[in-house]
């Protein structure tokens, strides 16, 4: 995600406290989350705020990049979130988000028997099939939406490359026209 926003000058990282992005190297990096945490060294500032109220506490068109790692699956109103991100971006700005993949093989196995016991986390509301997330982003006004594989998690190793269709999580990027 940091690589996809590397060319952006001013980036907003929403939902950063659980996993700050140490790879972001932009000129200005602002972290925003419901939780208050210790602001990482590579962040310019951190604020407490609700992603559903964007652009508040910022002005409209305040950022040229937004990073939203593993946020959208937690939201009751994901389309409103996407529209608010668009309002917060300048023209030509980009939203980069990641989300769990409902086509991940283990998720598919759990779906076959309609398991109600195992979910990614209790806080997840919905998973988004890849082409439907593209559609949601386009409805929210993003253009040129592209998807990338987030790889597959291997214990004690980390993430390894894996085909996008079956990866553990995928990354979407869209541009505000």
Protein backbone atom coordinates (compact mmCIF):
# COMPACT_ATOMS: atom_id res chain seq x y z
CA UNK A 1 0.00 0.00 0.00
CA UNK A 2 2.89 2.33 0.74
CA UNK A 3 4.32 1.66 -2.72
CA UNK A 4 0.98 2.59 -4.33
CA UNK A 5 0.96 5.95 -2.51
CA UNK A 6 4.70 6.69 -2.73
CA UNK A 7 4.21 9.45 -5.33
CA UNK A 8 1.66 11.26 -3.12
CA UNK A 9 2.79 14.26 -1.07
CA UNK A 10 0.08 14.38 1.64
CA UNK A 11 -1.43 11.07 2.78
CA UNK A 12 -4.15 10.28 5.32
CA UNK A 13 -3.88 6.83 6.94
CA UNK A 14 -7.28 5.96 8.41
CA UNK A 15 -7.53 3.27 11.09
CA UNK A 16 -3.79 3.29 11.78
CA UNK A 17 -3.58 2.45 15.52
CA UNK A 18 -3.84 -1.34 15.26
CA UNK A 19 -1.13 -1.50 12.61
CA UNK A 20 0.79 1.71 11.85
CA UNK A 21 2.31 1.71 8.38
CA UNK A 22 6.04 2.07 8.88
CA UNK A 23 6.56 1.86 5.11
CA UNK A 24 4.87 5.19 4.37
CA UNK A 25 7.55 7.74 3.48
CA UNK A 26 5.43 10.63 2.16
CA UNK A 27 6.21 14.28 2.96
CA UNK A 28 3.08 14.59 5.14
CA UNK A 29 1.43 11.56 6.78
CA UNK A 30 -1.59 12.08 9.02
CA UNK A 31 -2.98 9.17 11.02
CA UNK A 32 -6.68 9.17 11.91
CA UNK A 33 -8.45 6.61 14.09
CA UNK A 34 -11.22 6.27 16.65
CA UNK A 35 -8.54 5.21 19.12
CA UNK A 36 -5.81 7.43 20.48
CA UNK A 37 -2.35 5.95 20.20
CA UNK A 38 1.31 6.87 20.17
CA UNK A 39 1.94 8.59 16.84
CA UNK A 40 4.65 6.71 14.89
CA UNK A 41 7.88 8.55 14.00
CA UNK A 42 7.18 8.55 10.27
CA UNK A 43 3.76 10.22 10.76
CA UNK A 44 3.55 14.01 10.77
CA UNK A 45 0.55 14.02 13.11
CA UNK A 46 -2.22 11.79 14.44
CA UNK A 47 -5.80 12.76 15.24
CA UNK A 48 -8.76 11.03 16.82
CA UNK A 49 -11.69 11.00 14.43
CA UNK A 50 -14.40 8.89 12.83
CA UNK A 51 -13.84 7.82 9.20
CA UNK A 52 -17.60 8.04 8.67
CA UNK A 53 -17.40 11.80 9.27
CA UNK A 54 -14.70 12.55 6.69
CA UNK A 55 -13.61 15.06 5.62
CA UNK A 56 -14.15 16.29 9.22
CA UNK A 57 -11.85 17.17 11.03
CA UNK A 58 -10.15 18.18 7.74
CA UNK A 59 -11.23 20.43 4.89
CA UNK A 60 -12.60 18.94 1.69
CA UNK A 61 -9.88 18.17 -0.83
CA UNK A 62 -7.18 18.11 1.88
CA UNK A 63 -5.14 15.07 0.78
CA UNK A 64 -3.78 13.61 -2.43
CA UNK A 65 -3.75 10.09 -0.99
CA UNK A 66 -5.75 8.06 1.51
CA UNK A 67 -4.67 4.68 2.86
CA UNK A 68 -7.44 2.56 4.40
CA UNK A 69 -6.01 -0.79 5.47
CA UNK A 70 -8.58 -3.34 6.59
CA UNK A 71 -11.31 -0.79 7.35
CA UNK A 72 -14.17 -1.17 4.89
CA UNK A 73 -15.23 -4.63 6.09
CA UNK A 74 -15.91 -3.14 9.56
CA UNK A 75 -18.27 -0.40 8.36
CA UNK A 76 -22.07 -0.42 8.33
CA UNK A 77 -22.15 2.14 5.51
CA UNK A 78 -19.21 1.38 3.21
CA UNK A 79 -20.53 3.35 0.23
CA UNK A 80 -20.86 6.47 2.39
CA UNK A 81 -17.28 5.91 3.59
CA UNK A 82 -16.04 5.71 -0.01
CA UNK A 83 -17.89 8.91 -0.94
CA UNK A 84 -16.46 10.69 2.10
CA UNK A 85 -12.95 9.59 1.13
CA UNK A 86 -13.55 11.01 -2.34
CA UNK A 87 -14.61 14.36 -0.84
CA UNK A 88 -11.43 14.42 1.24
CA UNK A 89 -9.18 13.87 -1.80
CA UNK A 90 -8.02 16.49 -4.28
CA UNK A 91 -8.79 15.92 -7.96
CA UNK A 92 -6.40 13.24 -9.14
CA UNK A 93 -5.99 11.96 -5.57
CA UNK A 94 -6.04 8.25 -4.89
CA UNK A 95 -7.67 5.96 -2.35
CA UNK A 96 -5.76 2.77 -1.60
CA UNK A 97 -7.58 0.23 0.54
CA UNK A 98 -7.14 -3.38 1.52
CA UNK A 99 -9.78 -5.87 2.57
CA UNK A 100 -10.05 -9.63 3.17
CA UNK A 101 -10.83 -11.70 0.11
CA UNK A 102 -14.03 -13.80 0.25
CA UNK A 103 -12.47 -16.07 -2.40
CA UNK A 104 -9.61 -17.04 -0.11
CA UNK A 105 -9.65 -20.88 -0.06
CA UNK A 106 -10.19 -21.20 3.71
CA UNK A 107 -13.08 -18.71 3.53
CA UNK A 108 -14.58 -20.74 0.69
CA UNK A 109 -14.35 -23.95 2.77
CA UNK A 110 -16.09 -22.25 5.69
CA UNK A 111 -18.77 -20.97 3.31
CA UNK A 112 -19.47 -24.45 1.91
CA UNK A 113 -20.73 -25.63 5.31
CA UNK A 114 -22.05 -22.16 6.31
CA UNK A 115 -19.86 -22.08 9.41
CA UNK A 116 -21.04 -19.47 11.87
CA UNK A 117 -18.17 -20.12 14.25
CA UNK A 118 -15.09 -18.91 12.36
CA UNK A 119 -14.82 -15.44 10.87
CA UNK A 120 -11.77 -13.28 10.23
CA UNK A 121 -12.77 -11.31 13.32
CA UNK A 122 -15.98 -10.68 15.25
CA UNK A 123 -15.93 -7.02 14.15
CA UNK A 124 -16.24 -7.75 10.43
CA UNK A 125 -19.63 -6.92 8.99
CA UNK A 126 -19.20 -7.87 5.34
CA UNK A 127 -16.61 -9.15 2.89
CA UNK A 128 -16.51 -7.75 -0.62
CA UNK A 129 -16.01 -9.85 -3.74
CA UNK A 130 -13.48 -8.15 -5.98
CA UNK A 131 -15.69 -7.08 -8.86
CA UNK A 132 -18.33 -5.77 -6.43
CA UNK A 133 -15.80 -3.62 -4.60
CA UNK A 134 -14.77 -2.18 -7.97
CA UNK A 135 -18.43 -1.40 -8.61
CA UNK A 136 -18.85 0.27 -5.20
CA UNK A 137 -15.77 2.42 -5.77
CA UNK A 138 -17.05 3.45 -9.20
CA UNK A 139 -20.49 4.31 -7.78
CA UNK A 140 -18.69 6.46 -5.18
CA UNK A 141 -17.00 8.36 -8.04
CA UNK A 142 -13.59 6.70 -8.31
CA UNK A 143 -12.11 6.02 -11.74
CA UNK A 144 -9.50 3.64 -13.07
CA UNK A 145 -10.03 1.19 -10.17
CA UNK A 146 -7.39 -1.54 -10.09
CA UNK A 147 -6.91 -4.54 -7.82
CA UNK A 148 -3.71 -6.17 -6.58
CA UNK A 149 -2.96 -9.31 -4.60
CA UNK A 150 -2.06 -8.81 -0.96
CA UNK A 151 -0.48 -12.27 -0.93
CA UNK A 152 -1.07 -15.18 1.41
CA UNK A 153 -0.13 -15.26 5.09
CA UNK A 154 2.36 -17.95 6.06
CA UNK A 155 3.03 -18.37 9.81
CA UNK A 156 6.55 -17.36 10.89
CA UNK A 157 7.33 -16.19 7.33
CA UNK A 158 4.91 -13.35 6.55
CA UNK A 159 3.07 -12.66 3.31
CA UNK A 160 4.10 -14.44 0.14
CA UNK A 161 2.98 -13.64 -3.42
CA UNK A 162 -0.22 -15.43 -4.42
CA UNK A 163 -2.71 -15.03 -7.30
CA UNK A 164 -5.16 -12.17 -6.70
CA UNK A 165 -8.26 -14.33 -7.13
CA UNK A 166 -7.36 -16.53 -4.13
CA UNK A 167 -5.11 -14.25 -2.05
CA UNK A 168 -5.77 -13.70 1.65
CA UNK A 169 -6.49 -10.01 1.15
CA UNK A 170 -6.47 -7.75 -1.84
CA UNK A 171 -5.66 -4.12 -2.41
CA UNK A 172 -7.84 -1.73 -4.42
CA UNK A 173 -6.76 1.64 -5.76
CA UNK A 174 -9.06 4.25 -7.30
CA UNK A 175 -8.55 7.79 -8.53
CA UNK A 176 -10.77 10.82 -7.98
CA UNK A 177 -11.44 12.43 -11.36
